[in-house]
């Protein structure tokens, strides 16, 4: 099963984020896509 991350109901300007915040966002979404939400635990998913 493959996962994808979709952001709904809000326009998000990833380019406007600071470099470290953009990198963190990319890392977390990659973990979701790779392992799935059920395998990613705190502090990324509550």
C-alpha atoms as a PDB file:
ATOM      1  CA  UNK A   1       0.000   0.000   0.000  1.00  0.00           C
ATOM      2  CA  UNK A   2       1.359   3.430  -0.860  1.00  0.00           C
ATOM      3  CA  UNK A   3       0.554   6.633   0.964  1.00  0.00           C
ATOM      4  CA  UNK A   4       0.351  10.177  -0.266  1.00  0.00           C
ATOM      5  CA  UNK A   5       0.152  13.438   1.671  1.00  0.00           C
ATOM      6  CA  UNK A   6      -2.522  15.931   0.670  1.00  0.00           C
ATOM      7  CA  UNK A   7      -3.132  19.288   2.311  1.00  0.00           C
ATOM      8  CA  UNK A   8      -6.762  20.384   2.036  1.00  0.00           C
ATOM      9  CA  UNK A   9      -8.633  23.625   2.718  1.00  0.00           C
ATOM     10  CA  UNK A  10      -5.551  25.798   2.991  1.00  0.00           C
ATOM     11  CA  UNK A  11      -2.996  27.220   0.607  1.00  0.00           C
ATOM     12  CA  UNK A  12       0.444  26.387   1.911  1.00  0.00           C
ATOM     13  CA  UNK A  13       3.467  28.197   0.594  1.00  0.00           C
ATOM     14  CA  UNK A  14       6.253  25.730   1.274  1.00  0.00           C
ATOM     15  CA  UNK A  15       8.754  28.048  -0.356  1.00  0.00           C
ATOM     16  CA  UNK A  16       7.912  30.699   2.232  1.00  0.00           C
ATOM     17  CA  UNK A  17       8.923  28.420   5.108  1.00  0.00           C
ATOM     18  CA  UNK A  18      12.343  28.753   6.628  1.00  0.00           C
ATOM     19  CA  UNK A  19      14.829  26.220   5.291  1.00  0.00           C
ATOM     20  CA  UNK A  20      14.851  24.148   8.472  1.00  0.00           C
ATOM     21  CA  UNK A  21      11.035  24.090   8.665  1.00  0.00           C
ATOM     22  CA  UNK A  22      10.794  23.116   4.995  1.00  0.00           C
ATOM     23  CA  UNK A  23      13.307  20.305   5.536  1.00  0.00           C
ATOM     24  CA  UNK A  24      11.410  19.059   8.604  1.00  0.00           C
ATOM     25  CA  UNK A  25       8.103  19.106   6.688  1.00  0.00           C
ATOM     26  CA  UNK A  26       9.671  17.147   3.826  1.00  0.00           C
ATOM     27  CA  UNK A  27      11.188  14.608   6.230  1.00  0.00           C
ATOM     28  CA  UNK A  28       7.905  13.991   8.043  1.00  0.00           C
ATOM     29  CA  UNK A  29       5.849  13.691   4.850  1.00  0.00           C
ATOM     30  CA  UNK A  30       8.446  11.282   3.465  1.00  0.00           C
ATOM     31  CA  UNK A  31       8.115   9.160   6.611  1.00  0.00           C
ATOM     32  CA  UNK A  32       4.336   9.108   6.144  1.00  0.00           C
ATOM     33  CA  UNK A  33       4.703   8.087   2.505  1.00  0.00           C
ATOM     34  CA  UNK A  34       7.325   5.430   3.284  1.00  0.00           C
ATOM     35  CA  UNK A  35       6.002   3.849   6.473  1.00  0.00           C
ATOM     36  CA  UNK A  36       2.336   4.940   6.644  1.00  0.00           C
ATOM     37  CA  UNK A  37       0.560   6.899   9.351  1.00  0.00           C
ATOM     38  CA  UNK A  38       0.044   3.800  11.477  1.00  0.00           C
ATOM     39  CA  UNK A  39       3.823   3.254  11.779  1.00  0.00           C
ATOM     40  CA  UNK A  40       4.877   6.863  12.439  1.00  0.00           C
ATOM     41  CA  UNK A  41       4.571   7.677  16.133  1.00  0.00           C
ATOM     42  CA  UNK A  42       5.067  10.621  18.442  1.00  0.00           C
ATOM     43  CA  UNK A  43       6.245  13.293  18.171  1.00  0.00           C
ATOM     44  CA  UNK A  44       5.125  13.330  14.519  1.00  0.00           C
ATOM     45  CA  UNK A  45       1.611  11.934  15.010  1.00  0.00           C
ATOM     46  CA  UNK A  46      -0.512  12.402  18.129  1.00  0.00           C
END
